[in-house]
Amino acid sequence: MHGMTMTVARRAWTYFEPIHAIVYFAPGAPERFKAAGLRGGWMGYFASRSAPMGAVSPGVVTAVFYNFHPAMVARAIPDAWQYSSPELALTARTAVADSALRRLWGDEIASAEIAAAASTTMELASRLRGGGRPLYTATAALDVLDVPHLKLWQACTRLREHRFDGHVSALTVHGLDGLESLITIVASGAAIDAATMRRFRGWSDEEWDAGVERLRSRGILDGAGELTDQGHALRAAIEETTDHLAGDVWESMDAGEGEDLFGSLRRLATLLEAPDGIGYPNPIGLERPA
């Protein structure tokens, strides 16, 4: 990103995020969720990601996920809990991860490298503090899976939701609502185009344009909808705050241990870039492994 330095926490994010996020790109996910009673991919997404928190309301999901239109969430929640349950949604999501990682990692799922990475990453994820982080706290309370590649995916999921909760805090502190966050991340060039982002987050053209005008009036965007110097500084501050809030566990690692783990995670994350895996750029703003 513009003006960003690659902190240890940011480098780690580019490794663990793809491993977690494979569940959002796996082509078999909608069928798995339908089999669990969830009607389609978006209901599967909202239900399975929020499921660690229990059968929560649409308002809670909107608040915690932060950047989805409330009406988009309300089309899935609470109906998901009538058709399915948090337990079934979680089981389906784990099955999506299992299938995708088996396909993309192949025989490596049985490797000593994945077993070691799973153990180390879960140990790191267990050190994280949960105060003020609802999605992480709920996710971290789930039983640890005893299959190495799924244990690694689960550990990366804990790390991801911990970072995401912190990112929402950073957005709040720096005065961007969910829609404004999307607009500025698109303007920064770190995500896909605005039309695709609107479709994936449920915002209308009119709502998006109104958000652009709000940001222009604050000096964050210029007349062409690009980030101003103030806008670039704001985005950098948000990312730096996010890194800071996620940094303790990575900075506590022994240097040698850290490089060994990062080498494994980077290689495994890179293997997920495939036509039936993760593509770049993408709707979640995920960057290629550094």
Protein backbone atom coordinates (compact mmCIF):
# COMPACT_ATOMS: atom_id res chain seq x y z
CA MET A 1 0.00 0.00 0.00
CA HIS A 2 0.96 3.64 -0.52
CA GLY A 3 3.65 4.55 1.98
CA MET A 4 3.32 1.33 3.99
CA THR A 5 6.29 -0.39 5.55
CA MET A 6 6.27 -4.18 5.85
CA THR A 7 6.11 -4.79 9.59
CA VAL A 8 6.43 -8.31 10.95
CA ALA A 9 2.70 -8.30 11.70
CA ARG A 10 1.84 -7.22 8.14
CA ARG A 11 4.16 -9.80 6.63
CA ALA A 12 2.55 -12.50 8.79
CA TRP A 13 -0.90 -11.36 7.66
CA THR A 14 -0.03 -11.98 4.01
CA TYR A 15 0.77 -15.59 4.96
CA PHE A 16 -2.01 -16.60 7.34
CA GLU A 17 -4.85 -14.72 5.66
CA PRO A 18 -4.83 -16.77 2.42
CA ILE A 19 -4.84 -20.03 4.38
CA HIS A 20 -7.87 -18.89 6.34
CA ALA A 21 -9.56 -17.27 3.34
CA ILE A 22 -9.52 -20.29 1.06
CA VAL A 23 -13.03 -21.03 2.38
CA TYR A 24 -14.30 -17.85 0.65
CA PHE A 25 -12.91 -18.87 -2.74
CA ALA A 26 -13.51 -22.64 -2.78
CA PRO A 27 -15.88 -23.50 -5.65
CA GLY A 28 -17.59 -26.24 -3.64
CA ALA A 29 -18.64 -23.99 -0.75
CA PRO A 30 -22.23 -23.20 -1.85
CA GLU A 31 -23.07 -26.89 -2.20
CA ARG A 32 -21.65 -27.68 1.24
CA PHE A 33 -23.69 -24.88 2.80
CA LYS A 34 -26.87 -25.95 0.99
CA ALA A 35 -26.38 -29.46 2.31
CA ALA A 36 -26.29 -27.95 5.81
CA GLY A 37 -29.64 -26.25 5.19
CA LEU A 38 -28.20 -22.85 4.31
CA ARG A 39 -29.70 -21.40 1.15
CA GLY A 40 -26.79 -20.32 -0.99
CA GLY A 41 -23.28 -18.96 -0.68
CA TRP A 42 -24.01 -15.68 1.07
CA MET A 43 -26.19 -17.22 3.73
CA GLY A 44 -23.44 -19.79 4.16
CA TYR A 45 -20.84 -17.05 4.54
CA PHE A 46 -22.73 -14.97 7.09
CA ALA A 47 -23.87 -17.98 9.08
CA SER A 48 -20.59 -19.90 9.13
CA ARG A 49 -18.39 -16.92 9.93
CA SER A 50 -20.66 -15.65 12.71
CA ALA A 51 -21.47 -19.14 14.00
CA PRO A 52 -18.77 -19.17 16.71
CA MET A 53 -20.76 -16.37 18.38
CA GLY A 54 -23.94 -18.48 18.37
CA ALA A 55 -27.28 -17.75 16.68
CA VAL A 56 -26.71 -14.00 16.78
CA SER A 57 -28.97 -11.30 15.33
CA PRO A 58 -28.49 -9.50 12.00
CA GLY A 59 -27.57 -6.36 13.92
CA VAL A 60 -24.72 -8.11 15.68
CA VAL A 61 -23.41 -9.59 12.41
CA THR A 62 -23.63 -6.20 10.68
CA ALA A 63 -21.78 -4.50 13.52
CA VAL A 64 -19.03 -7.11 13.83
CA PHE A 65 -18.49 -7.65 10.07
CA TYR A 66 -18.64 -3.85 9.70
CA ASN A 67 -18.67 -3.22 5.94
CA PHE A 68 -21.70 -5.12 4.62
CA HIS A 69 -24.98 -3.36 3.93
CA PRO A 70 -27.42 -4.16 6.76
CA ALA A 71 -30.05 -5.30 4.24
CA MET A 72 -27.60 -7.80 2.74
CA VAL A 73 -26.99 -9.30 6.16
CA ALA A 74 -30.73 -9.31 6.93
CA ARG A 75 -31.41 -11.44 3.85
CA ALA A 76 -29.36 -14.21 5.48
CA ILE A 77 -29.62 -13.70 9.24
CA PRO A 78 -31.69 -14.69 11.26
CA ASP A 79 -33.29 -16.98 8.63
CA ALA A 80 -30.11 -19.06 8.63
CA TRP A 81 -30.86 -20.14 12.20
CA GLN A 82 -34.32 -21.37 11.13
CA TYR A 83 -32.93 -23.47 8.28
CA SER A 84 -29.74 -24.60 9.99
CA SER A 85 -27.74 -24.02 13.18
CA PRO A 86 -24.37 -22.59 14.21
CA GLU A 87 -23.07 -26.14 14.71
CA LEU A 88 -24.09 -27.28 11.22
CA ALA A 89 -22.71 -24.10 9.68
CA LEU A 90 -19.34 -24.61 11.38
CA THR A 91 -19.21 -28.25 10.31
CA ALA A 92 -19.92 -27.22 6.71
CA ARG A 93 -17.23 -24.54 6.75
CA THR A 94 -14.65 -26.99 8.10
CA ALA A 95 -15.61 -29.42 5.32
CA VAL A 96 -15.09 -26.62 2.75
CA ALA A 97 -11.62 -25.95 4.17
CA ASP A 98 -10.77 -29.65 4.24
CA SER A 99 -11.79 -30.21 0.62
CA ALA A 100 -10.04 -27.09 -0.68
CA LEU A 101 -6.77 -27.70 1.14
CA ARG A 102 -6.68 -31.36 0.14
CA ARG A 103 -7.16 -30.34 -3.48
CA LEU A 104 -4.62 -27.49 -3.50
CA TRP A 105 -1.98 -28.89 -1.13
CA GLY A 106 -2.31 -32.50 -2.30
CA ASP A 107 -0.06 -35.01 -0.58
CA GLU A 108 1.55 -32.24 1.45
CA ILE A 109 -1.31 -32.30 3.93
CA ALA A 110 0.37 -35.31 5.53
CA SER A 111 3.81 -33.66 5.66
CA ALA A 112 5.87 -33.03 8.76
CA GLU A 113 6.13 -29.39 7.65
CA ILE A 114 2.38 -28.84 7.89
CA ALA A 115 2.23 -30.65 11.23
CA ALA A 116 5.00 -28.43 12.62
CA ALA A 117 3.46 -25.26 11.19
CA ALA A 118 0.09 -26.19 12.66
CA SER A 119 1.54 -26.74 16.11
CA THR A 120 3.56 -23.51 16.12
CA THR A 121 0.80 -21.36 14.62
CA MET A 122 -1.82 -22.64 17.04
CA GLU A 123 0.52 -22.01 19.94
CA LEU A 124 0.97 -18.42 18.74
CA ALA A 125 -2.76 -17.99 18.20
CA SER A 126 -3.38 -19.19 21.75
CA ARG A 127 -1.31 -16.31 23.14
CA LEU A 128 -3.58 -13.63 21.68
CA ARG A 129 -5.68 -11.44 23.97
CA GLY A 130 -9.42 -11.32 23.36
CA GLY A 131 -10.53 -8.12 25.07
CA GLY A 132 -12.67 -6.04 22.71
CA ARG A 133 -12.47 -8.70 19.99
CA PRO A 134 -15.79 -10.55 19.78
CA LEU A 135 -15.20 -12.57 16.63
CA TYR A 136 -11.74 -13.71 17.70
CA THR A 137 -12.87 -14.55 21.23
CA ALA A 138 -15.73 -16.71 19.97
CA THR A 139 -13.55 -18.38 17.32
CA ALA A 140 -10.79 -19.12 19.82
CA ALA A 141 -13.28 -20.90 22.09
CA LEU A 142 -13.93 -23.64 19.50
CA ASP A 143 -12.33 -27.02 20.09
CA VAL A 144 -8.95 -27.44 18.38
CA LEU A 145 -9.09 -29.83 15.44
CA ASP A 146 -6.65 -32.73 15.57
CA VAL A 147 -5.98 -33.07 11.82
CA PRO A 148 -2.80 -31.08 11.03
CA HIS A 149 -3.92 -29.22 7.90
CA LEU A 150 -7.24 -28.32 9.54
CA LYS A 151 -5.52 -27.35 12.78
CA LEU A 152 -3.34 -24.99 10.71
CA TRP A 153 -6.39 -23.56 8.96
CA GLN A 154 -8.10 -23.11 12.32
CA ALA A 155 -5.06 -21.37 13.80
CA CYS A 156 -4.88 -19.04 10.79
CA THR A 157 -8.59 -18.34 11.24
CA ARG A 158 -7.99 -17.31 14.85
CA LEU A 159 -5.17 -15.02 13.78
CA ARG A 160 -7.26 -13.55 10.99
CA GLU A 161 -10.31 -12.78 13.14
CA HIS A 162 -8.08 -11.29 15.85
CA ARG A 163 -6.53 -8.98 13.27
CA PHE A 164 -9.91 -8.19 11.74
CA ASP A 165 -11.43 -7.21 15.08
CA GLY A 166 -8.45 -4.90 15.60
CA HIS A 167 -8.88 -3.48 12.11
CA VAL A 168 -12.49 -2.57 12.86
CA SER A 169 -11.28 -0.80 16.00
CA ALA A 170 -8.73 1.10 13.90
CA LEU A 171 -11.40 2.14 11.39
CA THR A 172 -13.61 3.35 14.21
CA VAL A 173 -10.84 5.36 15.84
CA HIS A 174 -9.94 6.98 12.52
CA GLY A 175 -13.54 7.85 11.73
CA LEU A 176 -14.42 5.63 8.77
CA ASP A 177 -17.68 3.71 8.69
CA GLY A 178 -17.92 0.42 6.84
CA LEU A 179 -18.91 1.91 3.49
CA GLU A 180 -16.24 4.62 3.69
CA SER A 181 -13.67 1.97 4.48
CA LEU A 182 -14.55 0.13 1.27
CA ILE A 183 -14.45 3.31 -0.81
CA THR A 184 -11.02 4.27 0.49
CA ILE A 185 -9.55 0.79 0.08
CA VAL A 186 -10.74 0.71 -3.54
CA ALA A 187 -9.32 4.21 -4.09
CA SER A 188 -5.98 3.03 -2.66
CA GLY A 189 -5.72 0.35 -5.36
CA ALA A 190 -5.51 -2.45 -2.80
CA ALA A 191 -8.77 -4.13 -3.82
CA ILE A 192 -10.97 -4.79 -6.83
CA ASP A 193 -12.98 -2.18 -8.71
CA ALA A 194 -15.82 -0.23 -7.13
CA ALA A 195 -18.63 -1.91 -9.07
CA THR A 196 -17.54 -5.38 -8.02
CA MET A 197 -17.01 -4.25 -4.42
CA ARG A 198 -20.52 -2.76 -4.31
CA ARG A 199 -21.95 -6.06 -5.54
CA PHE A 200 -20.01 -8.10 -2.98
CA ARG A 201 -20.99 -5.84 -0.07
CA GLY A 202 -24.56 -4.91 -0.99
CA TRP A 203 -24.26 -1.14 -1.40
CA SER A 204 -26.22 0.69 -4.11
CA ASP A 205 -24.65 3.12 -6.59
CA GLU A 206 -26.43 5.97 -4.82
CA GLU A 207 -25.17 4.95 -1.39
CA TRP A 208 -21.64 4.58 -2.74
CA ASP A 209 -21.78 8.00 -4.40
CA ALA A 210 -23.05 9.56 -1.19
CA GLY A 211 -20.11 8.00 0.66
CA VAL A 212 -17.71 9.40 -1.94
CA GLU A 213 -19.19 12.87 -1.41
CA ARG A 214 -18.78 12.58 2.36
CA LEU A 215 -15.13 11.67 1.90
CA ARG A 216 -14.57 14.52 -0.57
CA SER A 217 -16.07 16.99 1.89
CA ARG A 218 -13.57 15.78 4.49
CA GLY A 219 -10.60 16.13 2.12
CA ILE A 220 -9.98 12.37 1.96
CA LEU A 221 -10.86 12.02 -1.75
CA ASP A 222 -10.27 14.51 -4.55
CA GLY A 223 -12.64 15.50 -7.34
CA ALA A 224 -11.69 12.43 -9.37
CA GLY A 225 -12.42 10.08 -6.47
CA GLU A 226 -8.74 9.42 -5.79
CA LEU A 227 -7.13 9.54 -2.37
CA THR A 228 -5.64 12.90 -1.48
CA ASP A 229 -2.43 13.16 0.51
CA GLN A 230 -4.66 13.34 3.58
CA GLY A 231 -6.48 10.23 2.38
CA HIS A 232 -3.26 8.29 1.85
CA ALA A 233 -2.10 9.34 5.32
CA LEU A 234 -5.41 8.19 6.80
CA ARG A 235 -5.23 4.77 5.14
CA ALA A 236 -1.61 4.38 6.25
CA ALA A 237 -2.55 5.30 9.82
CA ILE A 238 -5.37 2.73 9.82
CA GLU A 239 -3.09 -0.03 8.57
CA GLU A 240 -0.33 0.94 11.00
CA THR A 241 -2.81 0.85 13.89
CA THR A 242 -4.08 -2.54 12.70
CA ASP A 243 -0.51 -3.87 12.57
CA HIS A 244 0.24 -2.43 16.01
CA LEU A 245 -2.84 -4.09 17.53
CA ALA A 246 -1.82 -7.42 15.97
CA GLY A 247 1.91 -7.11 16.60
CA ASP A 248 2.62 -8.41 20.08
CA VAL A 249 2.52 -12.11 19.31
CA TRP A 250 4.78 -11.80 16.25
CA GLU A 251 7.33 -9.56 17.91
CA SER A 252 7.63 -12.06 20.77
CA MET A 253 8.82 -14.84 18.45
CA ASP A 254 12.39 -16.05 18.41
CA ALA A 255 13.94 -14.82 15.14
CA GLY A 256 14.94 -18.28 13.93
CA GLU A 257 11.58 -19.81 14.85
CA GLY A 258 9.83 -16.95 13.09
CA GLU A 259 11.71 -17.34 9.82
CA ASP A 260 11.15 -21.09 9.77
CA LEU A 261 7.43 -20.60 10.31
CA PHE A 262 7.18 -17.75 7.82
CA GLY A 263 8.97 -19.83 5.20
CA SER A 264 6.46 -22.64 5.59
CA LEU A 265 3.39 -20.40 5.71
CA ARG A 266 4.53 -18.39 2.71
CA ARG A 267 5.07 -21.49 0.60
CA LEU A 268 1.73 -22.99 1.62
CA ALA A 269 -0.12 -19.72 1.04
CA THR A 270 1.42 -19.36 -2.40
CA LEU A 271 0.15 -22.81 -3.38
CA LEU A 272 -3.41 -21.53 -2.89
CA GLU A 273 -3.13 -19.10 -5.80
CA ALA A 274 -4.91 -21.08 -8.51
CA PRO A 275 -7.93 -20.89 -10.84
CA ASP A 276 -9.92 -22.93 -8.32
CA GLY A 277 -8.25 -21.20 -5.36
CA ILE A 278 -7.41 -17.60 -4.57
CA GLY A 279 -7.01 -14.90 -7.21
CA TYR A 280 -5.53 -11.40 -6.92
CA PRO A 281 -6.92 -8.74 -6.68
CA ASN A 282 -10.01 -9.94 -4.84
CA PRO A 283 -13.07 -8.66 -2.94
CA ILE A 284 -11.49 -9.04 0.50
CA GLY A 285 -8.42 -6.89 -0.19
CA LEU A 286 -6.08 -9.83 0.32
CA GLU A 287 -2.50 -9.20 -0.80
CA ARG A 288 -0.14 -11.78 -2.32
CA PRO A 289 2.21 -13.40 0.21
CA ALA A 290 5.12 -11.02 0.78
